[in-house]
N, C-alpha and C. Protein backbone atom coordinates (compact mmCIF):
# COMPACT_ATOMS: atom_id res chain seq x y z
N THR A 1 0.84 -1.18 0.00
CA THR A 1 0.00 0.00 0.00
C THR A 1 0.88 1.24 0.00
N VAL A 2 0.55 2.16 -0.87
CA VAL A 2 1.26 3.44 -0.95
C VAL A 2 0.30 4.54 -0.52
N GLN A 3 0.72 5.35 0.45
CA GLN A 3 -0.07 6.47 0.95
C GLN A 3 0.42 7.74 0.25
N CYS A 4 -0.49 8.44 -0.42
CA CYS A 4 -0.15 9.65 -1.15
C CYS A 4 -0.99 10.82 -0.64
N LEU A 5 -0.35 11.91 -0.26
CA LEU A 5 -1.03 13.12 0.15
C LEU A 5 -1.04 14.07 -1.04
N VAL A 6 -2.22 14.58 -1.40
CA VAL A 6 -2.37 15.46 -2.56
C VAL A 6 -2.65 16.88 -2.06
N PHE A 7 -1.67 17.76 -2.24
CA PHE A 7 -1.75 19.16 -1.80
C PHE A 7 -2.02 20.06 -3.00
N GLY A 8 -2.56 21.25 -2.75
CA GLY A 8 -2.74 22.25 -3.79
C GLY A 8 -3.64 23.37 -3.33
N ALA A 9 -3.58 24.46 -4.05
CA ALA A 9 -4.42 25.63 -3.74
C ALA A 9 -5.89 25.28 -3.99
N PRO A 10 -6.80 26.07 -3.42
CA PRO A 10 -8.22 25.86 -3.71
C PRO A 10 -8.47 25.94 -5.22
N SER A 11 -9.33 25.08 -5.72
CA SER A 11 -9.71 25.04 -7.14
C SER A 11 -8.56 24.70 -8.08
N SER A 12 -7.53 24.01 -7.56
CA SER A 12 -6.40 23.64 -8.42
C SER A 12 -6.61 22.31 -9.11
N GLY A 13 -7.59 21.52 -8.68
CA GLY A 13 -7.88 20.25 -9.33
C GLY A 13 -7.58 19.02 -8.50
N LYS A 14 -7.41 19.18 -7.19
CA LYS A 14 -7.11 18.03 -6.32
C LYS A 14 -8.21 16.98 -6.37
N THR A 15 -9.44 17.41 -6.18
CA THR A 15 -10.56 16.47 -6.18
C THR A 15 -10.72 15.82 -7.55
N SER A 16 -10.59 16.60 -8.59
CA SER A 16 -10.71 16.06 -9.95
C SER A 16 -9.65 15.00 -10.21
N LEU A 17 -8.43 15.24 -9.75
CA LEU A 17 -7.35 14.27 -9.92
C LEU A 17 -7.68 12.96 -9.20
N LEU A 18 -8.09 13.06 -7.94
CA LEU A 18 -8.42 11.85 -7.19
C LEU A 18 -9.55 11.07 -7.84
N ARG A 19 -10.58 11.79 -8.22
CA ARG A 19 -11.74 11.11 -8.82
C ARG A 19 -11.38 10.50 -10.17
N ALA A 20 -10.53 11.16 -10.95
CA ALA A 20 -10.12 10.61 -12.25
C ALA A 20 -9.31 9.34 -12.08
N ILE A 21 -8.45 9.31 -11.06
CA ILE A 21 -7.62 8.13 -10.83
C ILE A 21 -8.47 6.92 -10.48
N VAL A 22 -9.52 7.12 -9.73
CA VAL A 22 -10.37 5.98 -9.35
C VAL A 22 -11.52 5.77 -10.33
N GLY A 23 -11.53 6.52 -11.43
CA GLY A 23 -12.53 6.29 -12.47
C GLY A 23 -13.88 6.89 -12.21
N ASN A 24 -13.93 7.97 -11.45
CA ASN A 24 -15.19 8.63 -11.13
C ASN A 24 -15.03 10.12 -11.42
N PRO A 25 -15.19 10.56 -12.67
CA PRO A 25 -14.94 11.95 -12.99
C PRO A 25 -15.86 12.89 -12.22
N LEU A 26 -15.31 14.04 -11.86
CA LEU A 26 -16.04 15.02 -11.07
C LEU A 26 -17.14 15.65 -11.88
N GLU A 27 -18.33 15.67 -11.30
CA GLU A 27 -19.44 16.39 -11.89
C GLU A 27 -19.75 17.54 -10.96
N LEU A 28 -19.53 18.76 -11.41
CA LEU A 28 -19.75 19.92 -10.56
C LEU A 28 -21.23 20.17 -10.34
N GLU A 29 -21.56 20.50 -9.11
CA GLU A 29 -22.90 20.94 -8.80
C GLU A 29 -22.87 22.46 -8.88
N THR A 30 -23.94 23.07 -9.33
CA THR A 30 -23.95 24.53 -9.42
C THR A 30 -24.92 25.10 -8.42
N ASN A 31 -24.65 26.35 -8.05
CA ASN A 31 -25.50 27.01 -7.06
C ASN A 31 -26.54 27.90 -7.71
N GLY A 32 -26.79 27.73 -8.99
CA GLY A 32 -27.78 28.54 -9.69
C GLY A 32 -27.18 29.76 -10.35
N SER A 33 -26.00 30.17 -9.92
CA SER A 33 -25.36 31.35 -10.50
C SER A 33 -24.46 30.96 -11.67
N GLY A 34 -24.35 29.64 -11.92
CA GLY A 34 -23.48 29.18 -12.98
C GLY A 34 -22.08 28.84 -12.50
N GLU A 35 -21.78 29.16 -11.23
CA GLU A 35 -20.47 28.85 -10.70
C GLU A 35 -20.51 27.47 -10.05
N GLY A 36 -19.45 26.66 -10.29
CA GLY A 36 -19.41 25.33 -9.71
C GLY A 36 -19.12 25.36 -8.23
N GLU A 37 -19.69 24.41 -7.52
CA GLU A 37 -19.41 24.25 -6.10
C GLU A 37 -18.95 22.82 -5.87
N ARG A 38 -17.95 22.66 -5.05
CA ARG A 38 -17.53 21.31 -4.70
C ARG A 38 -18.43 20.80 -3.60
N PRO A 39 -18.97 19.60 -3.75
CA PRO A 39 -19.87 19.07 -2.73
C PRO A 39 -19.17 18.67 -1.44
N HIS A 40 -17.87 18.44 -1.46
CA HIS A 40 -17.14 18.02 -0.27
C HIS A 40 -15.85 18.82 -0.16
N ALA A 41 -15.35 18.98 1.05
CA ALA A 41 -14.12 19.74 1.26
C ALA A 41 -12.88 18.86 1.16
N CYS A 42 -13.04 17.56 1.27
CA CYS A 42 -11.89 16.67 1.28
C CYS A 42 -12.30 15.30 0.74
N TRP A 43 -11.40 14.70 -0.01
CA TRP A 43 -11.65 13.37 -0.56
C TRP A 43 -10.51 12.44 -0.19
N SER A 44 -10.81 11.19 -0.02
CA SER A 44 -9.82 10.13 0.05
C SER A 44 -10.26 9.11 -0.99
N ALA A 45 -9.30 8.53 -1.67
CA ALA A 45 -9.61 7.58 -2.72
C ALA A 45 -8.64 6.41 -2.66
N VAL A 46 -9.11 5.26 -3.11
CA VAL A 46 -8.28 4.06 -3.15
C VAL A 46 -8.32 3.51 -4.57
N ALA A 47 -7.15 3.26 -5.12
CA ALA A 47 -7.05 2.68 -6.45
C ALA A 47 -6.28 1.37 -6.35
N LEU A 48 -6.79 0.34 -6.98
CA LEU A 48 -6.12 -0.97 -7.02
C LEU A 48 -5.59 -1.20 -8.42
N THR A 49 -4.40 -1.73 -8.51
CA THR A 49 -3.80 -2.02 -9.82
C THR A 49 -2.87 -3.21 -9.67
N ARG A 50 -2.42 -3.72 -10.77
CA ARG A 50 -1.44 -4.82 -10.75
C ARG A 50 -0.12 -4.30 -11.28
N GLY A 51 0.94 -4.67 -10.58
CA GLY A 51 2.28 -4.28 -10.99
C GLY A 51 2.79 -5.21 -12.08
N PRO A 52 4.01 -4.95 -12.57
CA PRO A 52 4.60 -5.80 -13.61
C PRO A 52 4.75 -7.25 -13.17
N ASP A 53 4.84 -7.48 -11.86
CA ASP A 53 4.97 -8.84 -11.34
C ASP A 53 3.61 -9.48 -11.07
N GLU A 54 2.52 -8.81 -11.51
CA GLU A 54 1.15 -9.28 -11.36
C GLU A 54 0.64 -9.23 -9.92
N ARG A 55 1.41 -8.65 -8.99
CA ARG A 55 0.93 -8.50 -7.62
C ARG A 55 0.00 -7.29 -7.55
N GLU A 56 -1.04 -7.41 -6.74
CA GLU A 56 -1.97 -6.30 -6.58
C GLU A 56 -1.33 -5.18 -5.77
N ARG A 57 -1.51 -3.95 -6.22
CA ARG A 57 -0.98 -2.78 -5.53
C ARG A 57 -2.16 -1.89 -5.12
N THR A 58 -2.02 -1.23 -3.99
CA THR A 58 -3.06 -0.32 -3.51
C THR A 58 -2.46 1.07 -3.36
N LEU A 59 -3.13 2.04 -3.95
CA LEU A 59 -2.74 3.44 -3.82
C LEU A 59 -3.84 4.15 -3.07
N VAL A 60 -3.50 4.72 -1.91
CA VAL A 60 -4.47 5.46 -1.11
C VAL A 60 -4.10 6.93 -1.23
N LEU A 61 -5.03 7.71 -1.77
CA LEU A 61 -4.81 9.14 -1.99
C LEU A 61 -5.67 9.94 -1.01
N HIS A 62 -5.08 10.95 -0.40
CA HIS A 62 -5.80 11.83 0.52
C HIS A 62 -5.67 13.26 0.02
N GLU A 63 -6.79 13.90 -0.22
CA GLU A 63 -6.78 15.31 -0.59
C GLU A 63 -6.51 16.13 0.66
N ILE A 64 -5.50 16.99 0.59
CA ILE A 64 -5.12 17.83 1.73
C ILE A 64 -5.31 19.28 1.31
N GLY A 65 -6.34 19.91 1.84
CA GLY A 65 -6.60 21.30 1.52
C GLY A 65 -7.37 21.97 2.63
N GLY A 66 -7.42 23.28 2.61
CA GLY A 66 -8.20 24.05 3.56
C GLY A 66 -7.81 23.78 5.00
N GLU A 67 -8.82 23.52 5.83
CA GLU A 67 -8.61 23.31 7.26
C GLU A 67 -7.75 22.07 7.53
N LEU A 68 -7.94 21.03 6.75
CA LEU A 68 -7.16 19.81 6.94
C LEU A 68 -5.68 20.07 6.67
N GLU A 69 -5.37 20.87 5.65
CA GLU A 69 -3.98 21.24 5.35
C GLU A 69 -3.36 21.91 6.58
N SER A 70 -4.07 22.84 7.16
CA SER A 70 -3.58 23.54 8.34
C SER A 70 -3.32 22.58 9.49
N GLN A 71 -4.24 21.63 9.70
CA GLN A 71 -4.08 20.65 10.78
C GLN A 71 -2.87 19.76 10.55
N VAL A 72 -2.69 19.29 9.31
CA VAL A 72 -1.57 18.40 9.00
C VAL A 72 -0.24 19.12 9.19
N LEU A 73 -0.15 20.36 8.70
CA LEU A 73 1.10 21.10 8.82
C LEU A 73 1.39 21.49 10.27
N THR A 74 0.36 21.87 11.02
CA THR A 74 0.54 22.20 12.44
C THR A 74 1.02 20.97 13.20
N HIS A 75 0.43 19.83 12.93
CA HIS A 75 0.84 18.58 13.59
C HIS A 75 2.29 18.27 13.27
N ALA A 76 2.70 18.45 12.03
CA ALA A 76 4.09 18.19 11.63
C ALA A 76 5.05 19.15 12.34
N MET A 77 4.65 20.42 12.51
CA MET A 77 5.50 21.38 13.22
C MET A 77 5.65 20.98 14.68
N LEU A 78 4.55 20.55 15.31
CA LEU A 78 4.61 20.10 16.70
C LEU A 78 5.49 18.86 16.82
N ALA A 79 5.39 17.95 15.87
CA ALA A 79 6.20 16.73 15.89
C ALA A 79 7.68 17.07 15.79
N ALA A 80 8.01 18.06 14.96
CA ALA A 80 9.40 18.47 14.80
C ALA A 80 9.94 19.08 16.09
N GLY A 81 9.04 19.63 16.92
CA GLY A 81 9.43 20.25 18.18
C GLY A 81 9.51 19.27 19.34
N GLY A 82 9.19 18.00 19.11
CA GLY A 82 9.37 17.00 20.16
C GLY A 82 8.12 16.43 20.76
N GLY A 83 7.16 16.08 19.98
CA GLY A 83 6.05 15.34 20.53
C GLY A 83 4.71 16.01 20.41
N PRO A 84 4.00 15.72 19.34
CA PRO A 84 2.67 16.30 19.15
C PRO A 84 1.61 15.53 19.93
N PRO A 85 0.47 16.16 20.13
CA PRO A 85 -0.65 15.41 20.70
C PRO A 85 -1.14 14.41 19.65
N PRO A 86 -1.91 13.40 20.04
CA PRO A 86 -2.44 12.46 19.04
C PRO A 86 -3.22 13.20 17.97
N LEU A 87 -3.01 12.81 16.74
CA LEU A 87 -3.70 13.45 15.62
C LEU A 87 -5.03 12.76 15.41
N VAL A 88 -6.09 13.54 15.37
CA VAL A 88 -7.44 13.01 15.21
C VAL A 88 -8.06 13.64 13.97
N ASN A 89 -8.75 12.84 13.20
CA ASN A 89 -9.46 13.33 12.04
C ASN A 89 -10.80 13.87 12.51
N GLU A 90 -10.93 15.21 12.56
CA GLU A 90 -12.15 15.81 13.07
C GLU A 90 -13.35 15.58 12.16
N ARG A 91 -13.10 15.28 10.89
CA ARG A 91 -14.20 15.03 9.95
C ARG A 91 -14.84 13.67 10.20
N LEU A 92 -14.02 12.71 10.66
CA LEU A 92 -14.50 11.36 10.92
C LEU A 92 -14.08 10.95 12.32
N PRO A 93 -14.83 11.35 13.35
CA PRO A 93 -14.44 11.04 14.72
C PRO A 93 -14.19 9.55 14.91
N GLY A 94 -13.16 9.24 15.68
CA GLY A 94 -12.82 7.86 15.95
C GLY A 94 -11.85 7.27 14.94
N THR A 95 -11.48 8.03 13.90
CA THR A 95 -10.51 7.54 12.93
C THR A 95 -9.23 8.34 13.07
N PRO A 96 -8.09 7.74 12.74
CA PRO A 96 -6.83 8.47 12.88
C PRO A 96 -6.75 9.60 11.86
N GLY A 97 -6.00 10.61 12.19
CA GLY A 97 -5.79 11.72 11.28
C GLY A 97 -4.71 11.39 10.26
N ILE A 98 -4.43 12.36 9.42
CA ILE A 98 -3.43 12.18 8.37
C ILE A 98 -2.13 12.81 8.87
N ASP A 99 -1.05 12.05 8.78
CA ASP A 99 0.22 12.45 9.34
C ASP A 99 1.29 12.41 8.24
N LEU A 100 2.08 13.48 8.10
CA LEU A 100 3.13 13.51 7.09
C LEU A 100 4.09 12.34 7.24
N SER A 101 4.40 11.94 8.48
CA SER A 101 5.38 10.89 8.70
C SER A 101 4.89 9.52 8.24
N ARG A 102 3.57 9.38 8.03
CA ARG A 102 3.02 8.09 7.58
C ARG A 102 2.84 8.03 6.07
N ALA A 103 3.08 9.14 5.39
CA ALA A 103 2.90 9.19 3.93
C ALA A 103 4.14 8.66 3.22
N ASP A 104 3.92 8.04 2.07
CA ASP A 104 5.03 7.55 1.25
C ASP A 104 5.43 8.58 0.20
N VAL A 105 4.45 9.36 -0.25
CA VAL A 105 4.71 10.32 -1.32
C VAL A 105 3.70 11.47 -1.20
N ALA A 106 4.10 12.63 -1.68
CA ALA A 106 3.20 13.78 -1.72
C ALA A 106 3.13 14.29 -3.16
N ALA A 107 1.95 14.70 -3.57
CA ALA A 107 1.76 15.29 -4.90
C ALA A 107 1.28 16.72 -4.70
N PHE A 108 1.73 17.61 -5.56
CA PHE A 108 1.37 19.02 -5.46
C PHE A 108 0.71 19.43 -6.77
N VAL A 109 -0.56 19.80 -6.69
CA VAL A 109 -1.39 20.07 -7.86
C VAL A 109 -1.54 21.58 -8.01
N PHE A 110 -1.52 22.04 -9.27
CA PHE A 110 -1.76 23.46 -9.54
C PHE A 110 -2.52 23.61 -10.84
N ASP A 111 -3.18 24.75 -10.98
CA ASP A 111 -3.91 25.10 -12.20
C ASP A 111 -2.90 25.72 -13.15
N ALA A 112 -2.65 25.08 -14.28
CA ALA A 112 -1.63 25.54 -15.22
C ALA A 112 -1.93 26.92 -15.80
N SER A 113 -3.15 27.38 -15.68
CA SER A 113 -3.48 28.70 -16.23
C SER A 113 -3.35 29.81 -15.19
N SER A 114 -2.88 29.46 -13.99
CA SER A 114 -2.81 30.44 -12.91
C SER A 114 -1.43 30.46 -12.25
N THR A 115 -0.74 31.58 -12.37
CA THR A 115 0.57 31.69 -11.71
C THR A 115 0.39 31.70 -10.20
N LYS A 116 -0.73 32.22 -9.71
CA LYS A 116 -1.01 32.23 -8.28
C LYS A 116 -1.13 30.79 -7.75
N SER A 117 -1.79 29.93 -8.51
CA SER A 117 -1.95 28.53 -8.13
C SER A 117 -0.59 27.83 -8.11
N PHE A 118 0.25 28.12 -9.11
CA PHE A 118 1.59 27.51 -9.16
C PHE A 118 2.42 27.97 -7.97
N LYS A 119 2.37 29.24 -7.65
CA LYS A 119 3.12 29.78 -6.51
C LYS A 119 2.66 29.12 -5.21
N ALA A 120 1.34 28.95 -5.05
CA ALA A 120 0.81 28.30 -3.85
C ALA A 120 1.31 26.86 -3.75
N ALA A 121 1.32 26.14 -4.87
CA ALA A 121 1.80 24.75 -4.87
C ALA A 121 3.30 24.70 -4.53
N LEU A 122 4.06 25.64 -5.08
CA LEU A 122 5.50 25.69 -4.80
C LEU A 122 5.75 25.99 -3.33
N ASP A 123 5.01 26.94 -2.77
CA ASP A 123 5.15 27.27 -1.34
C ASP A 123 4.82 26.07 -0.47
N LEU A 124 3.76 25.34 -0.83
CA LEU A 124 3.40 24.13 -0.08
C LEU A 124 4.49 23.07 -0.20
N LEU A 125 5.04 22.90 -1.39
CA LEU A 125 6.11 21.93 -1.61
C LEU A 125 7.28 22.21 -0.68
N VAL A 126 7.70 23.47 -0.60
CA VAL A 126 8.82 23.84 0.25
C VAL A 126 8.48 23.59 1.72
N LYS A 127 7.30 24.01 2.15
CA LYS A 127 6.89 23.85 3.55
C LYS A 127 6.81 22.37 3.93
N VAL A 128 6.15 21.57 3.10
CA VAL A 128 6.00 20.14 3.40
C VAL A 128 7.36 19.45 3.39
N SER A 129 8.21 19.80 2.44
CA SER A 129 9.54 19.22 2.36
C SER A 129 10.36 19.52 3.62
N GLU A 130 10.29 20.75 4.08
CA GLU A 130 11.03 21.12 5.30
C GLU A 130 10.49 20.38 6.52
N LEU A 131 9.17 20.28 6.63
CA LEU A 131 8.56 19.63 7.80
C LEU A 131 8.74 18.11 7.79
N ALA A 132 8.65 17.51 6.61
CA ALA A 132 8.73 16.05 6.51
C ALA A 132 10.15 15.54 6.63
N GLY A 133 11.11 16.35 6.21
CA GLY A 133 12.50 15.92 6.26
C GLY A 133 12.72 14.66 5.46
N GLU A 134 13.36 13.68 6.08
CA GLU A 134 13.68 12.43 5.40
C GLU A 134 12.52 11.45 5.36
N SER A 135 11.42 11.75 6.07
CA SER A 135 10.33 10.79 6.15
C SER A 135 9.47 10.74 4.89
N LEU A 136 9.58 11.74 4.04
CA LEU A 136 8.72 11.78 2.85
C LEU A 136 9.57 11.91 1.61
């Protein structure tokens, strides 16, 4: 199993990427004004595939944005300082939270038509890289 954290600015395509990987393309809901609204603030997805050796592989993707991004980064900063409190997923009580030290890989998504989106992804890349150190 490979754990992947997917970071990016709002509206950069994180949810679309996760849904496309698992074969469920995003259908935007509209609020009547013609502007799309995302029905959820965070997605987790699981994709199963077979490797060249025919063994089944599992890819678990977690969308990290908004409030969850802040929680993950704050937890990583506390861990770097010598011992964070237990991480809890506030969206799903009773389940563990998402921890940088448990991830195998991180992906940084940006909207290619927006320099602001690219800058946000780059800033996140630097911050996550510094906090994760050798663990990611």
